[in-house]
Amino acid sequence: MPAETDSQSAVTQLLVQYQGALYAYLYACVRNPTDADDLFQEVSMAVVESFSQLQTEDGFFPWAREIASRRVLAFYRKSKKEQPVSPQVISALSDAAHHVEQRQPLSQRQERLQECLERLPRRSRELIARYYNTSGESGTRGARQFGQNVNAVYAKIHRIRTILRDCIAQRQQQESGE
């Protein structure tokens, strides 16, 4: 019985440690907070049920992400929804989310991002909001709504993301220097 309690404690600790990265991965896959919440619950239950299969705790996140990936694919098959991003991109996003999660708490990043978004011109905020807040809206459709071609919209999004990244880094640097 004590070994089972230790196992439950370990899986709980690991789930708490990686919940931000797992949720970010799921949200990036489905781009809907309700669906991401539901999937996170399913993934958490599956992780707890199959924790004994994990070889080492060091491999927890890739193992849990694989479970999440399979749940996402099942979600799309079951719901008949179009997958907005390729699995390779989702995997890269997941790795990036894990890397960032290890460096700073999610709430700090969200606060910095919100501050930097507020500094953007209104049209740039609208473009970013439309690009990231719609469920799989195509670039062509978004470009038409802004009266521009797809490549121009993607180039603007890239520039805005660079501005946001630089702004967040500058805010972080200012906060660590204070």
N, C-alpha and C. Protein backbone atom coordinates (compact mmCIF):
# COMPACT_ATOMS: atom_id res chain seq x y z
N MET A 1 0.80 -1.20 0.00
CA MET A 1 0.00 0.00 0.00
C MET A 1 0.85 1.27 0.00
N PRO A 2 1.93 1.37 0.80
CA PRO A 2 2.75 2.58 0.77
C PRO A 2 3.33 2.86 -0.62
N ALA A 3 3.69 1.82 -1.37
CA ALA A 3 4.25 2.03 -2.72
C ALA A 3 3.20 2.68 -3.62
N GLU A 4 1.94 2.28 -3.47
CA GLU A 4 0.87 2.87 -4.26
C GLU A 4 0.68 4.34 -3.91
N THR A 5 0.78 4.67 -2.64
CA THR A 5 0.66 6.06 -2.20
C THR A 5 1.82 6.88 -2.75
N ASP A 6 3.03 6.33 -2.74
CA ASP A 6 4.18 7.03 -3.32
C ASP A 6 3.97 7.28 -4.80
N SER A 7 3.42 6.29 -5.50
CA SER A 7 3.16 6.41 -6.93
C SER A 7 2.11 7.50 -7.19
N GLN A 8 1.06 7.53 -6.39
CA GLN A 8 0.03 8.56 -6.54
C GLN A 8 0.60 9.95 -6.27
N SER A 9 1.44 10.03 -5.28
CA SER A 9 2.07 11.30 -4.95
C SER A 9 2.98 11.77 -6.09
N ALA A 10 3.73 10.84 -6.66
CA ALA A 10 4.64 11.18 -7.76
C ALA A 10 3.88 11.65 -8.99
N VAL A 11 2.81 10.93 -9.36
CA VAL A 11 2.06 11.32 -10.55
C VAL A 11 1.37 12.66 -10.33
N THR A 12 0.88 12.89 -9.13
CA THR A 12 0.24 14.17 -8.82
C THR A 12 1.25 15.30 -8.92
N GLN A 13 2.41 15.10 -8.36
CA GLN A 13 3.46 16.12 -8.39
C GLN A 13 3.88 16.41 -9.84
N LEU A 14 4.04 15.39 -10.64
CA LEU A 14 4.45 15.58 -12.03
C LEU A 14 3.36 16.26 -12.84
N LEU A 15 2.11 15.89 -12.60
CA LEU A 15 1.00 16.54 -13.31
C LEU A 15 0.94 18.03 -12.97
N VAL A 16 1.11 18.34 -11.72
CA VAL A 16 1.10 19.75 -11.31
C VAL A 16 2.29 20.49 -11.94
N GLN A 17 3.44 19.87 -11.93
CA GLN A 17 4.64 20.49 -12.49
C GLN A 17 4.49 20.79 -13.98
N TYR A 18 3.86 19.89 -14.71
CA TYR A 18 3.78 20.03 -16.16
C TYR A 18 2.41 20.44 -16.67
N GLN A 19 1.50 20.81 -15.78
CA GLN A 19 0.15 21.11 -16.24
C GLN A 19 0.12 22.29 -17.20
N GLY A 20 0.93 23.30 -16.97
CA GLY A 20 0.96 24.45 -17.88
C GLY A 20 1.41 24.07 -19.28
N ALA A 21 2.46 23.28 -19.36
CA ALA A 21 2.97 22.86 -20.67
C ALA A 21 1.99 21.93 -21.37
N LEU A 22 1.37 21.02 -20.61
CA LEU A 22 0.39 20.11 -21.22
C LEU A 22 -0.83 20.87 -21.71
N TYR A 23 -1.31 21.79 -20.88
CA TYR A 23 -2.48 22.57 -21.29
C TYR A 23 -2.15 23.42 -22.51
N ALA A 24 -0.97 24.03 -22.52
CA ALA A 24 -0.57 24.84 -23.67
C ALA A 24 -0.53 24.00 -24.94
N TYR A 25 -0.03 22.79 -24.82
CA TYR A 25 0.01 21.88 -25.96
C TYR A 25 -1.41 21.58 -26.44
N LEU A 26 -2.29 21.24 -25.51
CA LEU A 26 -3.67 20.90 -25.89
C LEU A 26 -4.38 22.10 -26.50
N TYR A 27 -4.20 23.26 -25.90
CA TYR A 27 -4.85 24.46 -26.43
C TYR A 27 -4.33 24.79 -27.83
N ALA A 28 -3.02 24.64 -28.04
CA ALA A 28 -2.45 24.89 -29.37
C ALA A 28 -3.03 23.92 -30.40
N CYS A 29 -3.36 22.73 -29.96
CA CYS A 29 -3.92 21.74 -30.87
C CYS A 29 -5.37 22.02 -31.24
N VAL A 30 -6.18 22.42 -30.25
CA VAL A 30 -7.61 22.55 -30.50
C VAL A 30 -8.09 23.99 -30.58
N ARG A 31 -7.31 24.92 -30.05
CA ARG A 31 -7.60 26.36 -30.12
C ARG A 31 -8.99 26.71 -29.60
N ASN A 32 -9.40 26.00 -28.56
CA ASN A 32 -10.68 26.28 -27.92
C ASN A 32 -10.51 25.93 -26.44
N PRO A 33 -10.70 26.89 -25.54
CA PRO A 33 -10.44 26.62 -24.12
C PRO A 33 -11.32 25.53 -23.52
N THR A 34 -12.56 25.45 -23.94
CA THR A 34 -13.45 24.42 -23.41
C THR A 34 -12.98 23.03 -23.83
N ASP A 35 -12.66 22.88 -25.11
CA ASP A 35 -12.15 21.60 -25.59
C ASP A 35 -10.82 21.26 -24.94
N ALA A 36 -9.95 22.27 -24.78
CA ALA A 36 -8.65 22.03 -24.14
C ALA A 36 -8.84 21.59 -22.69
N ASP A 37 -9.77 22.21 -21.98
CA ASP A 37 -10.05 21.81 -20.59
C ASP A 37 -10.52 20.36 -20.53
N ASP A 38 -11.46 20.01 -21.42
CA ASP A 38 -11.97 18.63 -21.44
C ASP A 38 -10.86 17.64 -21.75
N LEU A 39 -10.04 17.97 -22.74
CA LEU A 39 -8.94 17.09 -23.10
C LEU A 39 -7.92 16.98 -21.97
N PHE A 40 -7.67 18.09 -21.28
CA PHE A 40 -6.72 18.05 -20.17
C PHE A 40 -7.21 17.08 -19.09
N GLN A 41 -8.50 17.09 -18.82
CA GLN A 41 -9.06 16.16 -17.83
C GLN A 41 -8.88 14.71 -18.29
N GLU A 42 -9.17 14.46 -19.56
CA GLU A 42 -9.00 13.10 -20.11
C GLU A 42 -7.55 12.65 -20.03
N VAL A 43 -6.66 13.55 -20.42
CA VAL A 43 -5.22 13.22 -20.41
C VAL A 43 -4.76 12.96 -18.99
N SER A 44 -5.19 13.78 -18.05
CA SER A 44 -4.80 13.61 -16.65
C SER A 44 -5.25 12.25 -16.13
N MET A 45 -6.47 11.87 -16.45
CA MET A 45 -6.96 10.55 -16.00
C MET A 45 -6.16 9.43 -16.65
N ALA A 46 -5.87 9.56 -17.93
CA ALA A 46 -5.10 8.53 -18.63
C ALA A 46 -3.68 8.43 -18.06
N VAL A 47 -3.09 9.56 -17.72
CA VAL A 47 -1.74 9.57 -17.14
C VAL A 47 -1.75 8.86 -15.79
N VAL A 48 -2.73 9.16 -14.97
CA VAL A 48 -2.83 8.51 -13.65
C VAL A 48 -3.02 7.01 -13.81
N GLU A 49 -3.91 6.62 -14.72
CA GLU A 49 -4.21 5.19 -14.91
C GLU A 49 -3.02 4.40 -15.44
N SER A 50 -2.19 5.03 -16.27
CA SER A 50 -1.09 4.29 -16.90
C SER A 50 0.28 4.70 -16.36
N PHE A 51 0.33 5.38 -15.24
CA PHE A 51 1.59 5.87 -14.69
C PHE A 51 2.60 4.75 -14.46
N SER A 52 2.14 3.58 -14.14
CA SER A 52 3.05 2.46 -13.87
C SER A 52 3.85 2.07 -15.12
N GLN A 53 3.40 2.46 -16.30
CA GLN A 53 4.10 2.15 -17.54
C GLN A 53 5.29 3.08 -17.81
N LEU A 54 5.33 4.21 -17.10
CA LEU A 54 6.40 5.17 -17.30
C LEU A 54 7.72 4.58 -16.79
N GLN A 55 8.74 4.64 -17.63
CA GLN A 55 10.04 4.06 -17.29
C GLN A 55 10.78 4.89 -16.23
N THR A 56 10.91 6.20 -16.49
CA THR A 56 11.59 7.09 -15.55
C THR A 56 10.80 8.39 -15.47
N GLU A 57 10.88 9.05 -14.34
CA GLU A 57 10.17 10.31 -14.18
C GLU A 57 10.75 11.40 -15.06
N ASP A 58 12.01 11.27 -15.47
CA ASP A 58 12.63 12.25 -16.37
C ASP A 58 11.92 12.29 -17.72
N GLY A 59 11.33 11.18 -18.11
CA GLY A 59 10.64 11.11 -19.39
C GLY A 59 9.16 11.42 -19.29
N PHE A 60 8.72 11.99 -18.18
CA PHE A 60 7.29 12.21 -17.96
C PHE A 60 6.65 13.09 -19.02
N PHE A 61 7.23 14.26 -19.27
CA PHE A 61 6.56 15.19 -20.18
C PHE A 61 6.42 14.63 -21.60
N PRO A 62 7.47 14.10 -22.21
CA PRO A 62 7.28 13.53 -23.55
C PRO A 62 6.25 12.39 -23.56
N TRP A 63 6.26 11.59 -22.50
CA TRP A 63 5.30 10.49 -22.39
C TRP A 63 3.88 11.02 -22.26
N ALA A 64 3.67 12.01 -21.39
CA ALA A 64 2.34 12.59 -21.20
C ALA A 64 1.90 13.34 -22.47
N ARG A 65 2.85 13.98 -23.15
CA ARG A 65 2.52 14.69 -24.39
C ARG A 65 2.08 13.69 -25.47
N GLU A 66 2.68 12.52 -25.48
CA GLU A 66 2.26 11.49 -26.45
C GLU A 66 0.83 11.04 -26.15
N ILE A 67 0.50 10.88 -24.88
CA ILE A 67 -0.87 10.54 -24.51
C ILE A 67 -1.81 11.66 -24.97
N ALA A 68 -1.39 12.90 -24.73
CA ALA A 68 -2.20 14.05 -25.14
C ALA A 68 -2.37 14.09 -26.66
N SER A 69 -1.31 13.80 -27.37
CA SER A 69 -1.36 13.80 -28.83
C SER A 69 -2.38 12.78 -29.35
N ARG A 70 -2.37 11.61 -28.75
CA ARG A 70 -3.34 10.58 -29.16
C ARG A 70 -4.77 10.99 -28.82
N ARG A 71 -4.96 11.64 -27.69
CA ARG A 71 -6.30 12.13 -27.32
C ARG A 71 -6.76 13.23 -28.28
N VAL A 72 -5.85 14.08 -28.71
CA VAL A 72 -6.20 15.14 -29.66
C VAL A 72 -6.63 14.52 -30.99
N LEU A 73 -5.87 13.55 -31.46
CA LEU A 73 -6.23 12.89 -32.73
C LEU A 73 -7.60 12.22 -32.61
N ALA A 74 -7.85 11.56 -31.48
CA ALA A 74 -9.16 10.94 -31.26
C ALA A 74 -10.26 12.00 -31.21
N PHE A 75 -9.97 13.12 -30.59
CA PHE A 75 -10.92 14.22 -30.52
C PHE A 75 -11.32 14.68 -31.92
N TYR A 76 -10.33 14.86 -32.81
CA TYR A 76 -10.63 15.30 -34.16
C TYR A 76 -11.37 14.24 -34.96
N ARG A 77 -11.01 12.98 -34.77
CA ARG A 77 -11.74 11.91 -35.47
C ARG A 77 -13.19 11.87 -35.01
N LYS A 78 -13.40 11.97 -33.72
CA LYS A 78 -14.73 11.87 -33.14
C LYS A 78 -15.59 13.09 -33.48
N SER A 79 -15.01 14.26 -33.43
CA SER A 79 -15.79 15.48 -33.63
C SER A 79 -15.91 15.89 -35.10
N LYS A 80 -15.13 15.27 -35.94
CA LYS A 80 -15.12 15.58 -37.38
C LYS A 80 -14.70 17.02 -37.65
N LYS A 81 -13.99 17.62 -36.70
CA LYS A 81 -13.49 18.98 -36.89
C LYS A 81 -12.20 18.92 -37.68
N GLU A 82 -11.97 19.97 -38.45
CA GLU A 82 -10.74 20.06 -39.22
C GLU A 82 -9.59 20.40 -38.29
N GLN A 83 -8.48 19.72 -38.46
CA GLN A 83 -7.30 19.98 -37.63
C GLN A 83 -6.64 21.26 -38.14
N PRO A 84 -6.56 22.32 -37.29
CA PRO A 84 -6.08 23.61 -37.76
C PRO A 84 -4.58 23.68 -38.02
N VAL A 85 -3.78 22.79 -37.40
CA VAL A 85 -2.32 22.85 -37.52
C VAL A 85 -1.79 21.43 -37.66
N SER A 86 -0.71 21.28 -38.39
CA SER A 86 -0.14 19.96 -38.60
C SER A 86 0.43 19.39 -37.30
N PRO A 87 0.47 18.07 -37.15
CA PRO A 87 1.03 17.46 -35.94
C PRO A 87 2.49 17.85 -35.69
N GLN A 88 3.27 18.07 -36.73
CA GLN A 88 4.67 18.46 -36.55
C GLN A 88 4.76 19.85 -35.91
N VAL A 89 3.90 20.76 -36.35
CA VAL A 89 3.90 22.10 -35.76
C VAL A 89 3.46 22.02 -34.30
N ILE A 90 2.45 21.20 -34.03
CA ILE A 90 1.96 21.03 -32.66
C ILE A 90 3.08 20.47 -31.78
N SER A 91 3.84 19.52 -32.28
CA SER A 91 4.94 18.96 -31.51
C SER A 91 6.00 20.02 -31.21
N ALA A 92 6.31 20.84 -32.20
CA ALA A 92 7.28 21.91 -31.99
C ALA A 92 6.76 22.93 -30.98
N LEU A 93 5.48 23.24 -31.05
CA LEU A 93 4.88 24.15 -30.07
C LEU A 93 4.96 23.56 -28.67
N SER A 94 4.72 22.28 -28.58
CA SER A 94 4.76 21.61 -27.29
C SER A 94 6.15 21.67 -26.69
N ASP A 95 7.15 21.39 -27.50
CA ASP A 95 8.53 21.46 -27.01
C ASP A 95 8.88 22.88 -26.56
N ALA A 96 8.44 23.87 -27.33
CA ALA A 96 8.69 25.26 -26.97
C ALA A 96 7.96 25.62 -25.68
N ALA A 97 6.72 25.16 -25.55
CA ALA A 97 5.95 25.45 -24.34
C ALA A 97 6.65 24.85 -23.12
N HIS A 98 7.15 23.65 -23.26
CA HIS A 98 7.85 23.01 -22.14
C HIS A 98 9.11 23.79 -21.77
N HIS A 99 9.85 24.22 -22.78
CA HIS A 99 11.09 24.96 -22.54
C HIS A 99 10.80 26.27 -21.81
N VAL A 100 9.80 26.99 -22.27
CA VAL A 100 9.44 28.27 -21.66
C VAL A 100 8.88 28.04 -20.26
N GLU A 101 8.06 27.02 -20.08
CA GLU A 101 7.47 26.72 -18.78
C GLU A 101 8.53 26.49 -17.73
N GLN A 102 9.64 25.93 -18.12
CA GLN A 102 10.72 25.67 -17.17
C GLN A 102 11.42 26.94 -16.72
N ARG A 103 11.33 28.00 -17.53
CA ARG A 103 12.07 29.22 -17.23
C ARG A 103 11.29 30.25 -16.43
N GLN A 104 9.97 30.33 -16.62
CA GLN A 104 9.23 31.34 -15.86
C GLN A 104 7.77 30.95 -15.75
N PRO A 105 7.13 31.31 -14.65
CA PRO A 105 5.72 30.96 -14.45
C PRO A 105 4.82 31.56 -15.52
N LEU A 106 3.75 30.84 -15.84
CA LEU A 106 2.82 31.24 -16.89
C LEU A 106 2.20 32.60 -16.60
N SER A 107 1.83 32.88 -15.38
CA SER A 107 1.15 34.14 -15.07
C SER A 107 2.03 35.35 -15.39
N GLN A 108 3.33 35.26 -15.14
CA GLN A 108 4.23 36.36 -15.47
C GLN A 108 4.29 36.58 -16.98
N ARG A 109 4.38 35.51 -17.73
CA ARG A 109 4.42 35.63 -19.19
C ARG A 109 3.13 36.23 -19.71
N GLN A 110 2.00 35.80 -19.16
CA GLN A 110 0.71 36.32 -19.60
C GLN A 110 0.59 37.81 -19.31
N GLU A 111 1.05 38.23 -18.13
CA GLU A 111 1.00 39.65 -17.79
C GLU A 111 1.85 40.47 -18.74
N ARG A 112 3.05 40.01 -19.00
CA ARG A 112 3.95 40.73 -19.92
C ARG A 112 3.36 40.78 -21.33
N LEU A 113 2.82 39.66 -21.77
CA LEU A 113 2.22 39.62 -23.10
C LEU A 113 1.05 40.59 -23.19
N GLN A 114 0.20 40.61 -22.18
CA GLN A 114 -0.95 41.52 -22.18
C GLN A 114 -0.50 42.97 -22.23
N GLU A 115 0.52 43.32 -21.44
CA GLU A 115 1.05 44.68 -21.45
C GLU A 115 1.58 45.05 -22.84
N CYS A 116 2.29 44.12 -23.45
CA CYS A 116 2.87 44.38 -24.77
C CYS A 116 1.79 44.46 -25.84
N LEU A 117 0.76 43.62 -25.73
CA LEU A 117 -0.35 43.69 -26.68
C LEU A 117 -1.04 45.04 -26.62
N GLU A 118 -1.19 45.56 -25.41
CA GLU A 118 -1.86 46.85 -25.25
C GLU A 118 -1.07 47.99 -25.88
N ARG A 119 0.22 47.82 -26.05
CA ARG A 119 1.07 48.85 -26.66
C ARG A 119 0.97 48.83 -28.19
N LEU A 120 0.49 47.75 -28.76
CA LEU A 120 0.38 47.65 -30.22
C LEU A 120 -0.69 48.58 -30.76
N PRO A 121 -0.55 49.03 -32.00
CA PRO A 121 -1.63 49.79 -32.64
C PRO A 121 -2.89 48.92 -32.73
N ARG A 122 -4.05 49.58 -32.75
CA ARG A 122 -5.33 48.87 -32.76
C ARG A 122 -5.41 47.86 -33.90
N ARG A 123 -5.01 48.23 -35.08
CA ARG A 123 -5.11 47.33 -36.26
C ARG A 123 -4.24 46.08 -36.05
N SER A 124 -3.07 46.24 -35.46
CA SER A 124 -2.19 45.09 -35.20
C SER A 124 -2.82 44.16 -34.16
N ARG A 125 -3.43 44.75 -33.12
CA ARG A 125 -4.11 43.92 -32.11
C ARG A 125 -5.25 43.14 -32.74
N GLU A 126 -5.99 43.81 -33.63
CA GLU A 126 -7.12 43.14 -34.30
C GLU A 126 -6.62 41.97 -35.15
N LEU A 127 -5.54 42.20 -35.87
CA LEU A 127 -4.98 41.14 -36.73
C LEU A 127 -4.53 39.95 -35.89
N ILE A 128 -3.81 40.21 -34.81
CA ILE A 128 -3.34 39.12 -33.94
C ILE A 128 -4.53 38.41 -33.31
N ALA A 129 -5.50 39.17 -32.83
CA ALA A 129 -6.68 38.57 -32.20
C ALA A 129 -7.43 37.68 -33.19
N ARG A 130 -7.60 38.15 -34.40
CA ARG A 130 -8.33 37.36 -35.40
C ARG A 130 -7.54 36.10 -35.75
N TYR A 131 -6.22 36.24 -35.84
CA TYR A 131 -5.39 35.09 -36.22
C TYR A 131 -5.37 34.02 -35.14
N TYR A 132 -5.26 34.42 -33.86
CA TYR A 132 -5.11 33.45 -32.79
C TYR A 132 -6.40 33.09 -32.08
N ASN A 133 -7.43 33.90 -32.18
CA ASN A 133 -8.65 33.63 -31.44
C ASN A 133 -9.75 32.97 -32.24
N THR A 134 -9.49 32.63 -33.47
CA THR A 134 -10.50 31.95 -34.26
C THR A 134 -10.12 30.50 -34.40
N SER A 135 -11.11 29.66 -34.45
CA SER A 135 -10.86 28.22 -34.55
C SER A 135 -10.52 27.84 -35.98
N GLY A 136 -9.24 27.86 -36.29
CA GLY A 136 -8.79 27.38 -37.59
C GLY A 136 -9.17 28.27 -38.75
N GLU A 137 -9.40 29.57 -38.52
CA GLU A 137 -9.73 30.46 -39.63
C GLU A 137 -8.58 30.44 -40.62
N SER A 138 -8.90 30.33 -41.88
CA SER A 138 -7.83 30.24 -42.87
C SER A 138 -7.18 31.60 -43.07
N GLY A 139 -5.92 31.56 -43.47
CA GLY A 139 -5.19 32.79 -43.75
C GLY A 139 -5.81 33.56 -44.90
N THR A 140 -6.37 32.84 -45.87
CA THR A 140 -7.00 33.49 -47.02
C THR A 140 -8.20 34.30 -46.59
N ARG A 141 -9.02 33.72 -45.74
CA ARG A 141 -10.21 34.41 -45.26
C ARG A 141 -9.83 35.64 -44.44
N GLY A 142 -8.86 35.49 -43.57
CA GLY A 142 -8.39 36.62 -42.77
C GLY A 142 -7.80 37.71 -43.64
N ALA A 143 -7.07 37.33 -44.67
CA ALA A 143 -6.47 38.31 -45.57
C ALA A 143 -7.55 39.10 -46.30
N ARG A 144 -8.59 38.40 -46.75
CA ARG A 144 -9.70 39.09 -47.43
C ARG A 144 -10.36 40.10 -46.51
N GLN A 145 -10.54 39.74 -45.25
CA GLN A 145 -11.19 40.65 -44.31
C GLN A 145 -10.34 41.90 -44.07
N PHE A 146 -9.02 41.78 -44.23
CA PHE A 146 -8.14 42.94 -44.07
C PHE A 146 -7.79 43.58 -45.40
N GLY A 147 -8.34 43.05 -46.49
CA GLY A 147 -8.11 43.62 -47.81
C GLY A 147 -6.68 43.48 -48.30
N GLN A 148 -6.02 42.39 -47.91
CA GLN A 148 -4.63 42.16 -48.30
C GLN A 148 -4.45 40.72 -48.74
N ASN A 149 -3.32 40.45 -49.39
CA ASN A 149 -3.06 39.07 -49.79
C ASN A 149 -2.53 38.27 -48.59
N VAL A 150 -2.59 36.97 -48.71
CA VAL A 150 -2.22 36.08 -47.61
C VAL A 150 -0.78 36.29 -47.17
N ASN A 151 0.15 36.40 -48.11
CA ASN A 151 1.56 36.57 -47.75
C ASN A 151 1.79 37.86 -46.98
N ALA A 152 1.09 38.92 -47.35
CA ALA A 152 1.24 40.19 -46.64
C ALA A 152 0.74 40.06 -45.20
N VAL A 153 -0.38 39.35 -45.02
CA VAL A 153 -0.92 39.16 -43.67
C VAL A 153 0.03 38.32 -42.83
N TYR A 154 0.54 37.23 -43.40
CA TYR A 154 1.49 36.40 -42.65
C TYR A 154 2.77 37.17 -42.31
N ALA A 155 3.23 38.02 -43.23
CA ALA A 155 4.42 38.83 -42.96
C ALA A 155 4.15 39.81 -41.81
N LYS A 156 2.97 40.42 -41.81
CA LYS A 156 2.62 41.34 -40.73
C LYS A 156 2.53 40.60 -39.40
N ILE A 157 1.93 39.42 -39.41
CA ILE A 157 1.82 38.62 -38.18
C ILE A 157 3.22 38.28 -37.67
N HIS A 158 4.11 37.93 -38.58
CA HIS A 158 5.49 37.62 -38.19
C HIS A 158 6.15 38.84 -37.55
N ARG A 159 5.97 40.01 -38.16
CA ARG A 159 6.56 41.23 -37.60
C ARG A 159 5.96 41.55 -36.23
N ILE A 160 4.65 41.39 -36.09
CA ILE A 160 4.00 41.66 -34.81
C ILE A 160 4.50 40.70 -33.74
N ARG A 161 4.64 39.43 -34.10
CA ARG A 161 5.16 38.46 -33.13
C ARG A 161 6.58 38.81 -32.71
N THR A 162 7.39 39.29 -33.65
CA THR A 162 8.75 39.72 -33.32
C THR A 162 8.72 40.91 -32.37
N ILE A 163 7.84 41.87 -32.64
CA ILE A 163 7.69 43.04 -31.76
C ILE A 163 7.26 42.58 -30.36
N LEU A 164 6.30 41.67 -30.30
CA LEU A 164 5.83 41.17 -29.00
C LEU A 164 6.95 40.43 -28.26
N ARG A 165 7.67 39.59 -28.97
CA ARG A 165 8.77 38.85 -28.34
C ARG A 165 9.81 39.80 -27.77
N ASP A 166 10.18 40.82 -28.56
CA ASP A 166 11.17 41.79 -28.11
C ASP A 166 10.64 42.61 -26.93
N CYS A 167 9.38 42.97 -26.97
CA CYS A 167 8.76 43.73 -25.88
C CYS A 167 8.77 42.91 -24.59
N ILE A 168 8.40 41.66 -24.69
CA ILE A 168 8.38 40.78 -23.51
C ILE A 168 9.79 40.62 -22.94
N ALA A 169 10.76 40.43 -23.82
CA ALA A 169 12.15 40.29 -23.36
C ALA A 169 12.62 41.58 -22.69
N GLN A 170 12.25 42.72 -23.25
CA GLN A 170 12.64 44.00 -22.67
C GLN A 170 11.99 44.17 -21.29
N ARG A 171 10.71 43.81 -21.16
CA ARG A 171 10.01 43.91 -19.87
C ARG A 171 10.67 43.00 -18.85
N GLN A 172 11.03 41.81 -19.29
CA GLN A 172 11.69 40.86 -18.37
C GLN A 172 13.03 41.41 -17.92
N GLN A 173 13.75 41.99 -18.85
CA GLN A 173 15.06 42.55 -18.53
C GLN A 173 14.91 43.72 -17.55
N GLN A 174 13.90 44.56 -17.78
CA GLN A 174 13.66 45.69 -16.87
C GLN A 174 13.30 45.20 -15.48
N GLU A 175 12.47 44.16 -15.39
CA GLU A 175 12.03 43.64 -14.09
C GLU A 175 13.18 42.99 -13.35
N SER A 176 14.06 42.30 -14.07
CA SER A 176 15.19 41.63 -13.39
C SER A 176 16.27 42.64 -12.99
N GLY A 177 16.30 43.81 -13.65
CA GLY A 177 17.28 44.82 -13.33
C GLY A 177 16.86 45.74 -12.20
N GLU A 178 15.57 45.68 -11.85
CA GLU A 178 15.07 46.55 -10.77
C GLU A 178 15.47 46.06 -9.43
